[in-house]
Amino acid sequence: MPIYHFIFDSILYRITLLLFFLSFINIQSQDNPSPAPNQLTPFLERTYYSINLGAVFYPFSGANLNDGYYAESRKKNVFSGRFLLGYNLNRNLDVQFGVMRPASWYQYLNVNGEVNKKSVWINLWSLSLKRSFRIKERFRLYGEFGFGNLTRVGFTLDSQEVYPDAHYLSFVTGMGLQYNLNHKWDLLLNALYIPKSVKQNQPYIFQSTVGMQYNLSQDAIEETSPKANEDYKYFFPRRLLQLGYGTSKIGFFANEFFSLNANIGKLENVGIPIFWNGDVQAAETISLTYMQTAYHGRKLFSLDWGASVTSIRTVDLRTHVMAFSLFPVLR
C-alpha cells in the first residue's frame, strides 16, 4: 500500500487532529505567553533519577538447555546498566522504578555441534522501596526491596525449543552506599540481587554498579520573577510538535549499531547498547509526537512529558501496525 494511503488511516487521522489541537492549547490568559516553567512543583521537588553502570552475573550453563541439547562454549559480557526514577516519600524512604539490562546478551556457541550463536536476552523492570540510614554527615547506607518483572527470551534450533522464554514476577533486593556531593548530585555504590527461579529454569542474577543520582531540587538562583525571565539566554520551548517519517531504503545500520548488533567487516556485535533490536522490520513509518515542558533549569536541564502515535508498514508489505505511547523526557 502506498505511503500516502495509510497516512490517512482513520485512527491516525483523528489522533493527529487531537495532538495538533493540543499543541495550540494555552491556559495562560496573558497576551504574551510566559516562558516554560522554571519552578519545580512540590512533586518534582522530591524526584530524582540515577544512572548506574557496572557488572552483572548470572550462572547460565548447559544444564539450562532442554534435554538433548548442548553447547560447545558460552560467551558473556558482564557490562550492564540500571536506570532508575525515584521519589522521596520522606527523608529516609524512597520509591524507585527502573530497568536493568546487560549491554549485550549471553550467548551459547555451536549448539549441538553446529556453527551458530544463540542468544539469551534478559531484562528487568522493577518497583521497589529504598530505606536509607545516615551513618555520617554525607554518607548513607541503604537497603532495597521490591518486585521485578523479569523477561527472558530464549532460543530455538531447527524450530525446536532449546531454552524457553520466560516472563514472571520476582522479588528484588539490594543494598548500597550513597555519598552526597551537593544538593543536586549523589554518588552511588549499588548491589542488586534477584533470586533464582527453579520453576522458570532461571539462575540468580547479581549486579554490582557505581552511579550518579541527580536530584531535582530547586536552585536558589532560579527565580520566577519577570526580571529573572528577562535575563534568560537559553531557549526552552514550551510545547513541541514533531512530524516524522522513516524508511527502510537506507537500511537498518543505525538500529543495529545502537543495539550492539552491527557487523562491520569482520567485527560482530559492534555498537552502543541503548535500544533493543526488534524482530519486526518497518518498511515505512509516519509518526506524530507532542511534547510539553514541565520544568527547566536556567541552562541545561529540562523535564518534559510527551505523547506519540505511529503508523508502521512492515517489510513484508502486508501488515500495518499502530503504536501509541506516553512518556517522560529528560534533556
Protein backbone atom coordinates (compact mmCIF):
# COMPACT_ATOMS: atom_id res chain seq x y z
CA MET A 1 0.00 0.00 0.00
CA PRO A 2 1.48 3.42 -0.91
CA ILE A 3 2.67 5.58 1.97
CA TYR A 4 0.13 8.34 1.26
CA HIS A 5 -2.74 5.86 1.71
CA PHE A 6 -2.01 4.77 5.22
CA ILE A 7 -1.17 8.30 6.41
CA PHE A 8 -4.88 8.96 6.39
CA ASP A 9 -5.87 5.82 8.19
CA SER A 10 -8.95 6.91 10.14
CA ILE A 11 -7.49 6.24 13.60
CA LEU A 12 -4.24 8.03 12.86
CA TYR A 13 -6.10 10.92 11.26
CA ARG A 14 -8.26 11.52 14.34
CA ILE A 15 -5.38 11.26 16.78
CA THR A 16 -3.32 13.56 14.58
CA LEU A 17 -6.04 16.19 14.81
CA LEU A 18 -6.18 15.76 18.59
CA LEU A 19 -2.42 16.18 19.08
CA PHE A 20 -2.37 19.12 16.69
CA PHE A 21 -5.16 20.76 18.69
CA LEU A 22 -3.34 20.12 21.98
CA SER A 23 -0.24 21.86 20.67
CA PHE A 24 -2.15 25.14 20.44
CA ILE A 25 -3.87 24.99 23.81
CA ASN A 26 -2.64 27.78 26.10
CA ILE A 27 -4.10 28.02 29.54
CA GLN A 28 -2.38 31.37 30.11
CA SER A 29 -4.65 34.39 29.95
CA GLN A 30 -1.89 36.88 29.18
CA ASP A 31 -1.41 38.31 25.72
CA ASN A 32 2.28 37.36 25.85
CA PRO A 33 2.81 33.72 26.87
CA SER A 34 5.21 33.16 29.75
CA PRO A 35 8.38 31.12 29.20
CA ALA A 36 8.43 27.44 30.06
CA PRO A 37 8.21 26.88 33.86
CA ASN A 38 11.42 27.12 35.84
CA GLN A 39 9.83 26.43 39.22
CA LEU A 40 9.52 22.86 40.42
CA THR A 41 6.16 21.60 41.62
CA PRO A 42 6.05 20.06 45.12
CA PHE A 43 6.00 16.62 43.47
CA LEU A 44 9.01 17.23 41.22
CA GLU A 45 10.92 18.79 44.12
CA ARG A 46 11.14 15.28 45.61
CA THR A 47 12.03 13.47 42.40
CA TYR A 48 15.40 12.14 41.25
CA TYR A 49 16.88 9.86 38.64
CA SER A 50 20.05 7.78 38.63
CA ILE A 51 22.30 6.16 36.05
CA ASN A 52 24.26 3.12 37.25
CA LEU A 53 26.86 1.14 35.30
CA GLY A 54 28.77 -1.96 36.29
CA ALA A 55 28.87 -5.76 36.06
CA VAL A 56 26.09 -8.35 36.03
CA PHE A 57 26.50 -12.05 36.80
CA TYR A 58 24.11 -14.92 36.02
CA PRO A 59 25.41 -18.51 36.04
CA PHE A 60 23.78 -19.86 32.88
CA SER A 61 25.12 -23.28 31.93
CA GLY A 62 24.41 -26.23 29.68
CA ALA A 63 22.05 -27.53 32.37
CA ASN A 64 19.58 -24.77 31.47
CA LEU A 65 19.11 -26.20 27.97
CA ASN A 66 16.40 -28.74 27.23
CA ASP A 67 17.34 -32.42 27.21
CA GLY A 68 19.25 -33.47 24.13
CA TYR A 69 20.98 -30.12 23.60
CA TYR A 70 24.45 -28.91 24.50
CA ALA A 71 26.76 -26.02 23.63
CA GLU A 72 30.47 -26.30 22.90
CA SER A 73 31.13 -23.00 24.68
CA ARG A 74 29.46 -19.92 26.10
CA LYS A 75 30.13 -16.20 25.82
CA LYS A 76 29.11 -13.43 28.17
CA ASN A 77 29.71 -9.70 28.55
CA VAL A 78 29.32 -8.65 32.17
CA PHE A 79 28.96 -4.91 31.46
CA SER A 80 25.45 -3.74 32.33
CA GLY A 81 23.38 -0.78 33.42
CA ARG A 82 20.47 0.13 35.65
CA PHE A 83 18.43 3.29 35.24
CA LEU A 84 16.06 4.50 37.96
CA LEU A 85 13.45 7.20 38.52
CA GLY A 86 12.80 7.82 42.22
CA TYR A 87 10.58 9.79 44.57
CA ASN A 88 11.31 10.77 48.20
CA LEU A 89 8.38 9.66 50.36
CA ASN A 90 10.19 11.11 53.36
CA ARG A 91 13.75 11.82 54.43
CA ASN A 92 14.69 8.14 54.73
CA LEU A 93 12.28 6.31 52.42
CA ASP A 94 12.09 6.41 48.61
CA VAL A 95 10.13 4.56 45.95
CA GLN A 96 12.01 3.68 42.75
CA PHE A 97 11.01 2.48 39.29
CA GLY A 98 13.55 1.43 36.69
CA VAL A 99 15.10 -1.02 34.28
CA MET A 100 18.19 -3.23 34.39
CA ARG A 101 19.78 -4.97 31.41
CA PRO A 102 23.18 -6.22 30.21
CA ALA A 103 24.99 -4.36 27.45
CA SER A 104 24.96 -7.47 25.26
CA TRP A 105 23.26 -10.82 25.56
CA TYR A 106 24.58 -14.11 26.92
CA GLN A 107 25.45 -16.48 24.06
CA TYR A 108 25.56 -20.24 23.63
CA LEU A 109 28.05 -21.08 20.86
CA ASN A 110 27.89 -24.04 18.46
CA VAL A 111 24.77 -25.66 19.89
CA ASN A 112 24.72 -29.42 19.15
CA GLY A 113 27.95 -29.12 17.17
CA GLU A 114 26.56 -26.74 14.54
CA VAL A 115 28.32 -23.45 13.77
CA ASN A 116 25.92 -20.97 15.35
CA LYS A 117 25.45 -18.32 18.01
CA LYS A 118 22.31 -18.44 20.11
CA SER A 119 21.49 -15.52 22.41
CA VAL A 120 19.54 -15.40 25.66
CA TRP A 121 18.04 -11.98 26.33
CA ILE A 122 17.42 -10.74 29.87
CA ASN A 123 15.93 -7.52 31.23
CA LEU A 124 14.22 -6.48 34.45
CA TRP A 125 11.69 -3.73 35.18
CA SER A 126 11.43 -3.14 38.92
CA LEU A 127 9.38 -1.23 41.50
CA SER A 128 10.98 -1.07 44.93
CA LEU A 129 11.29 0.77 48.23
CA LYS A 130 14.65 2.17 49.30
CA ARG A 131 15.27 2.67 53.04
CA SER A 132 18.34 4.69 53.95
CA PHE A 133 20.24 5.18 57.21
CA ARG A 134 22.60 8.07 57.87
CA ILE A 135 26.00 6.85 59.06
CA LYS A 136 27.99 10.08 58.66
CA GLU A 137 27.31 13.65 57.62
CA ARG A 138 27.39 12.89 53.89
CA PHE A 139 27.26 9.07 53.89
CA ARG A 140 24.10 6.98 53.90
CA LEU A 141 23.67 3.21 53.90
CA TYR A 142 20.52 1.89 52.24
CA GLY A 143 18.62 -1.29 51.60
CA GLU A 144 16.20 -2.01 48.76
CA PHE A 145 13.27 -4.39 48.49
CA GLY A 146 10.56 -4.74 45.88
CA PHE A 147 9.25 -6.65 42.90
CA GLY A 148 10.53 -7.02 39.38
CA ASN A 149 9.06 -8.09 36.07
CA LEU A 150 11.78 -10.32 34.60
CA THR A 151 11.73 -11.17 30.91
CA ARG A 152 13.93 -13.81 29.29
CA VAL A 153 13.93 -14.51 25.56
CA GLY A 154 15.38 -17.95 24.86
CA PHE A 155 16.10 -19.57 21.51
CA THR A 156 15.25 -22.42 19.16
CA LEU A 157 17.23 -24.70 16.86
CA ASP A 158 15.59 -26.04 13.70
CA SER A 159 12.23 -24.79 15.01
CA GLN A 160 12.67 -26.82 18.21
CA GLU A 161 12.73 -25.04 21.56
CA VAL A 162 16.15 -25.27 23.20
CA TYR A 163 15.83 -22.71 26.00
CA PRO A 164 12.25 -21.49 26.56
CA ASP A 165 11.14 -17.89 27.01
CA ALA A 166 10.11 -16.75 30.49
CA HIS A 167 8.12 -13.83 31.83
CA TYR A 168 7.42 -13.70 35.55
CA LEU A 169 7.30 -11.64 38.75
CA SER A 170 10.24 -11.91 41.14
CA PHE A 171 11.50 -10.41 44.37
CA VAL A 172 14.20 -7.73 44.03
CA THR A 173 16.63 -6.97 46.84
CA GLY A 174 19.66 -4.74 47.11
CA MET A 175 21.86 -2.53 49.22
CA GLY A 176 24.37 0.24 48.75
CA LEU A 177 26.22 3.35 49.86
CA GLN A 178 25.26 6.90 48.95
CA TYR A 179 27.58 9.91 49.20
CA ASN A 180 26.08 13.39 48.96
CA LEU A 181 28.21 15.73 46.82
CA ASN A 182 25.78 18.67 46.95
CA HIS A 183 22.05 19.36 46.85
CA LYS A 184 21.93 18.21 43.20
CA TRP A 185 24.25 15.20 42.96
CA ASP A 186 24.94 11.97 44.86
CA LEU A 187 27.47 9.20 44.21
CA LEU A 188 26.16 5.63 44.47
CA LEU A 189 27.66 2.20 45.05
CA ASN A 190 24.98 -0.46 44.48
CA ALA A 191 24.39 -4.19 44.70
CA LEU A 192 21.25 -5.85 43.28
CA TYR A 193 20.11 -9.45 43.70
CA ILE A 194 17.27 -11.37 42.01
CA PRO A 195 16.84 -14.93 43.35
CA LYS A 196 16.79 -17.94 41.06
CA SER A 197 13.54 -19.49 39.90
CA VAL A 198 13.51 -23.28 39.63
CA LYS A 199 10.07 -23.20 38.02
CA GLN A 200 11.25 -20.83 35.26
CA ASN A 201 14.68 -22.51 34.88
CA GLN A 202 16.30 -19.15 35.61
CA PRO A 203 19.52 -18.79 37.65
CA TYR A 204 20.01 -15.94 40.11
CA ILE A 205 21.11 -12.51 38.90
CA PHE A 206 23.60 -10.35 40.77
CA GLN A 207 24.60 -6.86 39.66
CA SER A 208 27.20 -4.51 41.14
CA THR A 209 27.32 -0.91 39.88
CA VAL A 210 28.56 2.60 40.53
CA GLY A 211 26.37 5.52 39.59
CA MET A 212 25.28 9.12 39.83
CA GLN A 213 21.98 10.39 41.19
CA TYR A 214 20.57 13.75 40.09
CA ASN A 215 18.09 15.36 42.48
CA LEU A 216 15.54 17.78 41.04
CA SER A 217 15.93 20.26 43.88
CA GLN A 218 15.26 23.92 43.18
CA ASP A 219 18.31 26.16 42.82
CA ALA A 220 18.15 29.30 44.92
CA ILE A 221 19.16 31.33 41.86
CA GLU A 222 16.26 30.05 39.81
CA GLU A 223 13.79 32.88 40.14
CA THR A 224 10.38 33.09 38.55
CA SER A 225 10.12 36.85 38.60
CA PRO A 226 9.77 38.79 35.32
CA LYS A 227 13.27 40.23 35.86
CA ALA A 228 14.81 36.76 36.06
CA ASN A 229 12.96 35.65 32.95
CA GLU A 230 14.28 38.65 31.02
CA ASP A 231 17.84 37.53 31.76
CA TYR A 232 17.41 34.13 30.11
CA LYS A 233 19.98 33.41 27.41
CA TYR A 234 18.79 29.86 26.79
CA PHE A 235 15.67 28.84 24.91
CA PHE A 236 13.36 26.09 26.17
CA PRO A 237 10.26 25.51 24.03
CA ARG A 238 7.02 25.36 26.00
CA ARG A 239 5.44 22.96 23.50
CA LEU A 240 6.85 20.97 20.63
CA LEU A 241 5.05 19.21 17.78
CA GLN A 242 7.07 16.84 15.58
CA LEU A 243 6.13 15.01 12.40
CA GLY A 244 8.44 12.15 11.47
CA TYR A 245 8.91 9.82 8.52
CA GLY A 246 11.06 6.70 8.38
CA THR A 247 12.03 4.39 5.52
CA SER A 248 13.96 1.14 5.22
CA LYS A 249 15.55 2.24 1.94
CA ILE A 250 18.64 3.47 3.81
CA GLY A 251 18.96 0.21 5.74
CA PHE A 252 18.91 -0.65 9.44
CA PHE A 253 22.51 0.10 10.43
CA ALA A 254 21.51 2.77 12.97
CA ASN A 255 19.11 0.34 14.67
CA GLU A 256 21.77 -2.36 14.75
CA PHE A 257 24.56 -0.05 15.95
CA PHE A 258 22.59 1.39 18.87
CA SER A 259 21.52 -2.10 19.97
CA LEU A 260 25.04 -3.60 19.80
CA ASN A 261 24.14 -5.78 16.80
CA ALA A 262 26.03 -4.15 13.92
CA ASN A 263 28.58 -6.04 11.83
CA ILE A 264 31.48 -4.00 10.43
CA GLY A 265 33.89 -6.01 8.30
CA LYS A 266 34.98 -8.99 10.37
CA LEU A 267 33.80 -7.38 13.60
CA GLU A 268 30.49 -8.60 15.02
CA ASN A 269 28.15 -7.12 17.63
CA VAL A 270 29.58 -3.61 17.28
CA GLY A 271 27.82 -0.56 18.65
CA ILE A 272 26.40 1.15 21.73
CA PRO A 273 23.74 -0.70 23.79
CA ILE A 274 20.99 1.91 24.10
CA PHE A 275 17.96 0.22 22.47
CA TRP A 276 16.70 -3.29 21.81
CA ASN A 277 16.83 -4.52 18.22
CA GLY A 278 13.33 -5.70 17.29
CA ASP A 279 12.26 -8.80 15.37
CA VAL A 280 9.90 -6.91 13.03
CA GLN A 281 11.38 -4.50 10.49
CA ALA A 282 9.48 -1.44 9.29
CA ALA A 283 9.40 -0.54 5.60
CA GLU A 284 7.84 2.88 6.22
CA THR A 285 6.61 4.80 9.26
CA ILE A 286 4.77 8.04 9.91
CA SER A 287 4.80 9.45 13.45
CA LEU A 288 3.37 12.47 15.22
CA THR A 289 4.78 13.48 18.61
CA TYR A 290 3.63 16.18 21.04
CA MET A 291 5.83 17.26 23.98
CA GLN A 292 5.31 19.85 26.70
CA THR A 293 7.86 21.16 29.21
CA ALA A 294 7.00 20.57 32.86
CA TYR A 295 10.19 22.14 34.25
CA HIS A 296 13.53 23.51 33.09
CA GLY A 297 16.65 24.86 34.74
CA ARG A 298 18.38 28.08 33.75
CA LYS A 299 20.87 26.50 31.33
CA LEU A 300 20.97 22.78 30.68
CA PHE A 301 18.20 20.61 32.11
CA SER A 302 14.53 20.21 31.26
CA LEU A 303 11.84 17.68 32.11
CA ASP A 304 9.06 17.16 29.56
CA TRP A 305 6.13 14.82 29.06
CA GLY A 306 5.02 13.62 25.68
CA ALA A 307 2.57 11.57 23.65
CA SER A 308 3.05 10.00 20.24
CA VAL A 309 1.22 7.97 17.63
CA THR A 310 2.99 6.00 14.90
CA SER A 311 1.68 4.14 11.86
CA ILE A 312 4.01 1.35 10.69
CA ARG A 313 4.07 -0.68 7.47
CA THR A 314 6.24 -3.75 7.91
CA VAL A 315 8.80 -5.01 5.42
CA ASP A 316 6.56 -7.88 4.33
CA LEU A 317 4.27 -5.22 2.71
CA ARG A 318 1.17 -6.85 4.18
CA THR A 319 0.95 -5.76 7.80
CA HIS A 320 0.06 -2.36 9.26
CA VAL A 321 0.64 -1.60 12.94
CA MET A 322 -0.45 1.36 15.06
CA ALA A 323 1.65 2.29 18.11
CA PHE A 324 0.73 4.73 20.89
CA SER A 325 2.90 5.94 23.77
CA LEU A 326 3.01 8.32 26.73
CA PHE A 327 6.48 9.10 28.05
CA PRO A 328 8.70 11.43 30.11
CA VAL A 329 11.68 13.19 28.51
CA LEU A 330 14.86 14.15 30.38
CA ARG A 331 17.00 16.61 28.42
